[in-house]
């Protein structure tokens, strides 16, 4: 693997690889993308690809991490998760639906997609940053439980058709039951 991540050649090569990957993932399933095809599209050789990534799945993970981190960087309302889960969920669903077209790879329900796991990992990190709860295994699991339930709702319903009030009431009860704020 490449050691000098700040080298402009490394940055340009990874940008070319990810741009080629973004185009290919729109055309076909992840499992059908080959390193040869990707290398051709990125105008690099296969050896160069393997200097940067172990395989297509490693690239996919890196690509999705970039997309989700960028997407979630725009969320400024993490405190609402604890204070007003109903408002948090409504804002999150609207934010997701509004920005979804900017991030075609963020389809949370596509097969083989690691987006929900990455989404949960980043949300967990951001919720811990609020310092409202202690970082521990129980809270890790509770956050994943809430995030995966939220992702399921986001996949199934648009903000207009979702019963935000009912979903928010359930989320409020679950969050209150699962999380005890730090003293």
C-alpha atoms as a PDB file:
ATOM      1  CA  UNK A   1       0.000   0.000   0.000  1.00  0.00           C
ATOM      2  CA  UNK A   2       1.020   3.588  -0.658  1.00  0.00           C
ATOM      3  CA  UNK A   3       2.656   5.324   2.295  1.00  0.00           C
ATOM      4  CA  UNK A   4       2.718   8.985   1.232  1.00  0.00           C
ATOM      5  CA  UNK A   5      -0.996   9.820   1.166  1.00  0.00           C
ATOM      6  CA  UNK A   6      -0.332  13.536   0.599  1.00  0.00           C
ATOM      7  CA  UNK A   7       1.736  13.028  -2.574  1.00  0.00           C
ATOM      8  CA  UNK A   8      -0.104  14.750  -5.429  1.00  0.00           C
ATOM      9  CA  UNK A   9       0.422  11.690  -7.665  1.00  0.00           C
ATOM     10  CA  UNK A  10      -1.273   9.477  -5.083  1.00  0.00           C
ATOM     11  CA  UNK A  11      -4.146  11.934  -4.728  1.00  0.00           C
ATOM     12  CA  UNK A  12      -4.642  12.180  -8.507  1.00  0.00           C
ATOM     13  CA  UNK A  13      -4.437   8.403  -8.979  1.00  0.00           C
ATOM     14  CA  UNK A  14      -6.978   7.733  -6.223  1.00  0.00           C
ATOM     15  CA  UNK A  15      -9.254  10.425  -7.617  1.00  0.00           C
ATOM     16  CA  UNK A  16      -9.083   8.758 -11.072  1.00  0.00           C
ATOM     17  CA  UNK A  17      -9.738   5.324  -9.568  1.00  0.00           C
ATOM     18  CA  UNK A  18     -12.730   6.571  -7.568  1.00  0.00           C
ATOM     19  CA  UNK A  19     -14.156   8.488 -10.541  1.00  0.00           C
ATOM     20  CA  UNK A  20     -13.924   5.336 -12.672  1.00  0.00           C
ATOM     21  CA  UNK A  21     -15.480   3.326  -9.852  1.00  0.00           C
ATOM     22  CA  UNK A  22     -18.324   5.841  -9.466  1.00  0.00           C
ATOM     23  CA  UNK A  23     -19.138   5.509 -13.162  1.00  0.00           C
ATOM     24  CA  UNK A  24     -18.959   1.709 -13.105  1.00  0.00           C
ATOM     25  CA  UNK A  25     -21.085   1.322  -9.968  1.00  0.00           C
ATOM     26  CA  UNK A  26     -23.832   3.259 -11.757  1.00  0.00           C
ATOM     27  CA  UNK A  27     -23.656   0.818 -14.663  1.00  0.00           C
ATOM     28  CA  UNK A  28     -23.452  -2.535 -12.906  1.00  0.00           C
ATOM     29  CA  UNK A  29     -23.505  -4.389  -9.592  1.00  0.00           C
ATOM     30  CA  UNK A  30     -20.391  -4.281  -7.447  1.00  0.00           C
ATOM     31  CA  UNK A  31     -19.811  -8.017  -7.887  1.00  0.00           C
ATOM     32  CA  UNK A  32     -19.548  -7.577 -11.668  1.00  0.00           C
ATOM     33  CA  UNK A  33     -16.865  -4.885 -11.609  1.00  0.00           C
ATOM     34  CA  UNK A  34     -13.384  -6.220 -12.350  1.00  0.00           C
ATOM     35  CA  UNK A  35     -10.050  -4.640 -11.518  1.00  0.00           C
ATOM     36  CA  UNK A  36      -9.062  -4.855 -15.214  1.00  0.00           C
ATOM     37  CA  UNK A  37     -12.180  -2.977 -16.271  1.00  0.00           C
ATOM     38  CA  UNK A  38     -11.697  -0.376 -13.562  1.00  0.00           C
ATOM     39  CA  UNK A  39      -8.012   0.092 -14.378  1.00  0.00           C
ATOM     40  CA  UNK A  40      -8.881   0.575 -18.051  1.00  0.00           C
ATOM     41  CA  UNK A  41     -11.521   3.177 -17.196  1.00  0.00           C
ATOM     42  CA  UNK A  42      -9.146   4.997 -14.797  1.00  0.00           C
ATOM     43  CA  UNK A  43      -6.316   4.835 -17.348  1.00  0.00           C
ATOM     44  CA  UNK A  44      -3.942   3.067 -14.973  1.00  0.00           C
ATOM     45  CA  UNK A  45      -2.528  -0.433 -14.930  1.00  0.00           C
ATOM     46  CA  UNK A  46      -3.714  -3.169 -12.576  1.00  0.00           C
ATOM     47  CA  UNK A  47      -0.488  -3.021 -10.581  1.00  0.00           C
ATOM     48  CA  UNK A  48      -1.154   0.631  -9.785  1.00  0.00           C
ATOM     49  CA  UNK A  49      -4.631  -0.261  -8.563  1.00  0.00           C
ATOM     50  CA  UNK A  50      -3.172  -2.861  -6.174  1.00  0.00           C
ATOM     51  CA  UNK A  51      -0.720  -0.308  -4.780  1.00  0.00           C
ATOM     52  CA  UNK A  52      -3.741   1.623  -3.513  1.00  0.00           C
ATOM     53  CA  UNK A  53      -6.404  -1.017  -2.730  1.00  0.00           C
ATOM     54  CA  UNK A  54      -6.468  -4.716  -1.840  1.00  0.00           C
ATOM     55  CA  UNK A  55      -9.426  -5.430  -4.109  1.00  0.00           C
ATOM     56  CA  UNK A  56     -12.671  -3.973  -5.441  1.00  0.00           C
ATOM     57  CA  UNK A  57     -14.325  -4.364  -2.028  1.00  0.00           C
ATOM     58  CA  UNK A  58     -11.561  -2.382  -0.330  1.00  0.00           C
ATOM     59  CA  UNK A  59     -12.080   0.371  -2.914  1.00  0.00           C
ATOM     60  CA  UNK A  60     -15.846   0.206  -2.382  1.00  0.00           C
ATOM     61  CA  UNK A  61     -15.390   0.619   1.369  1.00  0.00           C
ATOM     62  CA  UNK A  62     -13.099   3.631   0.868  1.00  0.00           C
ATOM     63  CA  UNK A  63     -15.450   5.159  -1.708  1.00  0.00           C
ATOM     64  CA  UNK A  64     -18.498   4.733   0.519  1.00  0.00           C
ATOM     65  CA  UNK A  65     -16.623   6.085   3.558  1.00  0.00           C
ATOM     66  CA  UNK A  66     -15.799   9.248   1.626  1.00  0.00           C
ATOM     67  CA  UNK A  67     -19.384   9.688   0.460  1.00  0.00           C
ATOM     68  CA  UNK A  68     -20.959   9.087   3.857  1.00  0.00           C
ATOM     69  CA  UNK A  69     -18.475  11.253   5.746  1.00  0.00           C
ATOM     70  CA  UNK A  70     -19.085  14.089   3.306  1.00  0.00           C
ATOM     71  CA  UNK A  71     -22.842  13.560   3.522  1.00  0.00           C
ATOM     72  CA  UNK A  72     -22.914  13.440   7.327  1.00  0.00           C
ATOM     73  CA  UNK A  73     -20.572  16.441   7.673  1.00  0.00           C
ATOM     74  CA  UNK A  74     -23.567  18.596   6.762  1.00  0.00           C
ATOM     75  CA  UNK A  75     -25.597  17.424   9.746  1.00  0.00           C
ATOM     76  CA  UNK A  76     -25.429  19.930  12.570  1.00  0.00           C
ATOM     77  CA  UNK A  77     -28.289  18.678  14.709  1.00  0.00           C
ATOM     78  CA  UNK A  78     -26.882  15.628  16.527  1.00  0.00           C
ATOM     79  CA  UNK A  79     -27.907  17.036  19.932  1.00  0.00           C
ATOM     80  CA  UNK A  80     -31.531  16.640  18.836  1.00  0.00           C
ATOM     81  CA  UNK A  81     -30.993  12.866  18.896  1.00  0.00           C
ATOM     82  CA  UNK A  82     -31.224  13.068  22.702  1.00  0.00           C
ATOM     83  CA  UNK A  83     -33.263  16.240  23.189  1.00  0.00           C
ATOM     84  CA  UNK A  84     -35.976  15.723  20.598  1.00  0.00           C
ATOM     85  CA  UNK A  85     -35.698  12.414  18.682  1.00  0.00           C
ATOM     86  CA  UNK A  86     -38.850  13.232  16.703  1.00  0.00           C
ATOM     87  CA  UNK A  87     -37.261  16.413  15.337  1.00  0.00           C
ATOM     88  CA  UNK A  88     -33.938  14.623  14.777  1.00  0.00           C
ATOM     89  CA  UNK A  89     -35.571  11.877  12.729  1.00  0.00           C
ATOM     90  CA  UNK A  90     -37.673  14.321  10.692  1.00  0.00           C
ATOM     91  CA  UNK A  91     -34.640  16.481   9.910  1.00  0.00           C
ATOM     92  CA  UNK A  92     -32.505  13.451   9.076  1.00  0.00           C
ATOM     93  CA  UNK A  93     -35.091  12.027   6.691  1.00  0.00           C
ATOM     94  CA  UNK A  94     -35.569  15.372   4.936  1.00  0.00           C
ATOM     95  CA  UNK A  95     -31.800  15.936   4.774  1.00  0.00           C
ATOM     96  CA  UNK A  96     -31.272  12.445   3.291  1.00  0.00           C
ATOM     97  CA  UNK A  97     -34.018  12.802   0.687  1.00  0.00           C
ATOM     98  CA  UNK A  98     -32.873  16.310  -0.271  1.00  0.00           C
ATOM     99  CA  UNK A  99     -29.211  15.348  -0.726  1.00  0.00           C
ATOM    100  CA  UNK A 100     -29.662  11.812  -2.034  1.00  0.00           C
ATOM    101  CA  UNK A 101     -29.286  12.880  -5.677  1.00  0.00           C
ATOM    102  CA  UNK A 102     -25.924  14.496  -4.906  1.00  0.00           C
ATOM    103  CA  UNK A 103     -24.698  11.119  -3.651  1.00  0.00           C
ATOM    104  CA  UNK A 104     -25.833   8.406  -6.052  1.00  0.00           C
ATOM    105  CA  UNK A 105     -23.703   5.809  -4.249  1.00  0.00           C
ATOM    106  CA  UNK A 106     -25.596   6.446  -1.031  1.00  0.00           C
ATOM    107  CA  UNK A 107     -28.587   4.312  -1.919  1.00  0.00           C
ATOM    108  CA  UNK A 108     -28.969   2.674   1.468  1.00  0.00           C
ATOM    109  CA  UNK A 109     -30.864  -0.299   0.123  1.00  0.00           C
ATOM    110  CA  UNK A 110     -28.622  -1.439  -2.738  1.00  0.00           C
ATOM    111  CA  UNK A 111     -27.367  -4.999  -2.602  1.00  0.00           C
ATOM    112  CA  UNK A 112     -23.846  -5.534  -1.293  1.00  0.00           C
ATOM    113  CA  UNK A 113     -23.742  -1.956  -0.096  1.00  0.00           C
ATOM    114  CA  UNK A 114     -21.769  -1.211   3.055  1.00  0.00           C
ATOM    115  CA  UNK A 115     -23.383   2.217   3.380  1.00  0.00           C
ATOM    116  CA  UNK A 116     -25.653   1.321   6.321  1.00  0.00           C
ATOM    117  CA  UNK A 117     -22.702  -0.003   8.346  1.00  0.00           C
ATOM    118  CA  UNK A 118     -20.561   3.022   7.557  1.00  0.00           C
ATOM    119  CA  UNK A 119     -23.524   5.301   8.243  1.00  0.00           C
ATOM    120  CA  UNK A 120     -23.911   3.682  11.686  1.00  0.00           C
ATOM    121  CA  UNK A 121     -20.159   3.936  12.417  1.00  0.00           C
ATOM    122  CA  UNK A 122     -20.043   7.637  11.606  1.00  0.00           C
ATOM    123  CA  UNK A 123     -23.305   8.409  13.415  1.00  0.00           C
ATOM    124  CA  UNK A 124     -21.963   6.611  16.493  1.00  0.00           C
ATOM    125  CA  UNK A 125     -18.782   8.707  16.368  1.00  0.00           C
ATOM    126  CA  UNK A 126     -20.790  11.929  16.007  1.00  0.00           C
ATOM    127  CA  UNK A 127     -23.198  11.036  18.817  1.00  0.00           C
ATOM    128  CA  UNK A 128     -20.275  10.320  21.145  1.00  0.00           C
ATOM    129  CA  UNK A 129     -18.827  13.733  20.253  1.00  0.00           C
ATOM    130  CA  UNK A 130     -21.910  15.326  21.819  1.00  0.00           C
ATOM    131  CA  UNK A 131     -20.632  13.943  25.159  1.00  0.00           C
ATOM    132  CA  UNK A 132     -24.225  13.188  26.125  1.00  0.00           C
ATOM    133  CA  UNK A 133     -23.542   9.482  26.681  1.00  0.00           C
ATOM    134  CA  UNK A 134     -20.621   7.355  27.778  1.00  0.00           C
ATOM    135  CA  UNK A 135     -18.719   5.421  25.169  1.00  0.00           C
ATOM    136  CA  UNK A 136     -19.259   1.734  25.881  1.00  0.00           C
ATOM    137  CA  UNK A 137     -20.344  -1.495  24.186  1.00  0.00           C
ATOM    138  CA  UNK A 138     -23.964  -1.212  25.339  1.00  0.00           C
ATOM    139  CA  UNK A 139     -24.277   2.292  23.887  1.00  0.00           C
ATOM    140  CA  UNK A 140     -22.518   1.157  20.690  1.00  0.00           C
ATOM    141  CA  UNK A 141     -25.191  -1.502  20.245  1.00  0.00           C
ATOM    142  CA  UNK A 142     -28.007   0.877  21.153  1.00  0.00           C
ATOM    143  CA  UNK A 143     -26.816   3.446  18.614  1.00  0.00           C
ATOM    144  CA  UNK A 144     -26.597   0.765  15.925  1.00  0.00           C
ATOM    145  CA  UNK A 145     -30.108  -0.399  16.817  1.00  0.00           C
ATOM    146  CA  UNK A 146     -31.504   3.120  16.422  1.00  0.00           C
ATOM    147  CA  UNK A 147     -29.493   3.934  13.291  1.00  0.00           C
ATOM    148  CA  UNK A 148     -30.416   0.714  11.483  1.00  0.00           C
ATOM    149  CA  UNK A 149     -34.073   1.212  12.374  1.00  0.00           C
ATOM    150  CA  UNK A 150     -33.852   4.780  11.061  1.00  0.00           C
ATOM    151  CA  UNK A 151     -32.201   3.590   7.844  1.00  0.00           C
ATOM    152  CA  UNK A 152     -35.024   1.083   7.392  1.00  0.00           C
ATOM    153  CA  UNK A 153     -37.575   3.866   7.758  1.00  0.00           C
ATOM    154  CA  UNK A 154     -35.628   6.125   5.377  1.00  0.00           C
ATOM    155  CA  UNK A 155     -35.542   3.372   2.761  1.00  0.00           C
ATOM    156  CA  UNK A 156     -39.221   2.551   3.099  1.00  0.00           C
ATOM    157  CA  UNK A 157     -40.793   6.012   3.389  1.00  0.00           C
ATOM    158  CA  UNK A 158     -40.377   9.467   1.933  1.00  0.00           C
ATOM    159  CA  UNK A 159     -40.624  12.274   4.507  1.00  0.00           C
ATOM    160  CA  UNK A 160     -44.067  13.141   3.103  1.00  0.00           C
ATOM    161  CA  UNK A 161     -45.521   9.661   3.564  1.00  0.00           C
ATOM    162  CA  UNK A 162     -43.809   8.719   6.823  1.00  0.00           C
ATOM    163  CA  UNK A 163     -45.775   9.270   9.992  1.00  0.00           C
ATOM    164  CA  UNK A 164     -42.995  11.308  11.581  1.00  0.00           C
ATOM    165  CA  UNK A 165     -45.000  11.876  14.757  1.00  0.00           C
ATOM    166  CA  UNK A 166     -45.548   8.146  15.362  1.00  0.00           C
ATOM    167  CA  UNK A 167     -41.985   7.268  14.361  1.00  0.00           C
ATOM    168  CA  UNK A 168     -40.678  10.063  16.576  1.00  0.00           C
ATOM    169  CA  UNK A 169     -42.747   8.867  19.531  1.00  0.00           C
ATOM    170  CA  UNK A 170     -41.347   5.361  19.181  1.00  0.00           C
ATOM    171  CA  UNK A 171     -37.797   6.708  18.727  1.00  0.00           C
ATOM    172  CA  UNK A 172     -38.180   8.917  21.820  1.00  0.00           C
ATOM    173  CA  UNK A 173     -39.272   5.962  23.945  1.00  0.00           C
ATOM    174  CA  UNK A 174     -36.528   3.715  22.623  1.00  0.00           C
ATOM    175  CA  UNK A 175     -33.838   6.366  23.080  1.00  0.00           C
ATOM    176  CA  UNK A 176     -35.027   7.141  26.617  1.00  0.00           C
ATOM    177  CA  UNK A 177     -35.053   3.421  27.453  1.00  0.00           C
ATOM    178  CA  UNK A 178     -31.662   2.661  25.893  1.00  0.00           C
ATOM    179  CA  UNK A 179     -29.635   5.700  26.884  1.00  0.00           C
ATOM    180  CA  UNK A 180     -29.002   7.028  30.310  1.00  0.00           C
ATOM    181  CA  UNK A 181     -27.198  10.326  30.063  1.00  0.00           C
ATOM    182  CA  UNK A 182     -23.892  10.740  31.847  1.00  0.00           C
ATOM    183  CA  UNK A 183     -24.181  12.260  35.303  1.00  0.00           C
END
